[in-house]
Amino acid sequence: MQKWRSVALLVTCVVLALSVWFAGTAVQGELQKAFGLSKAWGGLATAAVGLGFVAGTLTSAVLGLADRLESRRFFMVCCLIGGGTNALTAFVDPGSLFTIALRFVVGASMAGVYPVGMKMVASWANNDRGLLVGLLTGAVTLGSAMPHFIAIAAPANWRITLLVSSALAVLSGLLVLRVKLGPVHGKAASFRARYVLKAWTDRPLRLANLGYFGHMWELYAMWAWVGVFLAASFQFDPGGSAAMTLARWITVAAIAMGALGCVAGGLLADRIGRTTLTAAAMAVSGICALLVGFAFGADPWLVSIICMIWSQTVVADSAQFSASVIELSEPELVGTMLTVQTSIGFLITFITIQATPFLVDVIGWRFGFAYLALGPLFGMLAMLRLRRLPAASRLANGRK
């Protein structure tokens, strides 16, 4: 009972803390209208969070912060920094470089939330690592949807969205101190630069990483731009006078329901295997990336259904790449391998978050998302190749 109480509280803390990640994206429509900001500028602000996360993760690993500091206190401090910095963005010029810098710091602070939360939830693992990591990834998904929900509740004031999401992050920092750690909680391996190449020279690890990189090519660009896509699409509906509000509701539902995909993905992966689950999820999400543009401007219900399916499958496999790396790595290298995987994966998101608005301006929404399908195709092939290796028997207790 204590296990699930602690996991539930930790999941709640991650949801609240991650609400600052997409807070800027959630108010992008208002900022574009009020300050004349371009989609490219909005993409830069969103990508700055991801780059900050990469910088924060690498810094934490090199300095051994996650190992040297008590997990809950490290989590708390990062929540306070993220919440405070995010709140500050409500009082500066949205079009300034200072805003970009603040978004970068917000992302850097999340390096003490998501990876540390992963370490904390894994302390309770007992043949259910896929489910536990899936629950945590589902919390990240819900947290990403949270600012969109806040924006619906306060559509006339973008500052309220930023301030409320900041307050939630601070609350998370206070609540996490009450989380109990599991019996297998221990220090992860310190970052060793000379071991970084192990992620590439070890074939099973390389394929698991390549699968994750294909997944990340698609995921954050979808999350960052699906709301803008829906708003533009619903404008064509004869009854779409409230297109922005409807688009926001569907965006919240689409991203939030992705959490169900994370939990279902974790349960299935523990039973049918990690390569099976990840390959299937990427196949469906890639098809959605190709098809959704052709539904642009069609009946809102059709567009919404495609986005709902996409939002669940695009993230259903996310946690299983981390679980795969944990199971394929030597115990003393798990921390290093996860750091390499996460850092490069989030660097890739910078490319697609920036490329999407550029492509939309050139070729329109009908084909603006189609290139994202390249990621899941690449990732699916990598995971199917991993499946054929003897090392795949180490995944999910022998379930490939």
Foldseek 3Di string as FASTA:
>chain_A
DLLVVLLVLLLLLLLLLLLLLCLLLLCVVVCCVPPVDDLLLSLLLNLLLLLLLLVLLVVCQQVVVLAVDDLLLLLLVLLLQLLVLLLVLLPDNCNDVVSSVSSSSNSSSCNSRLVSSLLQQCLADDLQNLLSLLSNLLSSLSSLLVLLVVCLVVVPGSSSSSNSSSVSSNVSSVSSVVRDGHPNRHGAAGADPVCLCVCPVVQLSVLLLLLLLLLLLAPPLCLSCQLVQQLQQLVLDPPSPVSNSVSSVLSSLQSSCLSVLSNVLSVVCLPQNLLVSSLVLLVLLLVLLLQLLVCRNPDSVVNSVSSNSNNNSSSSNNSSSLQSLCLLDDRNCSSNSVSSSSSVSSVSNSVSSSQLSVVCVVPNSSCSRNVSSVSSVSSSVSSVVSCPDPSSCSTSVGND
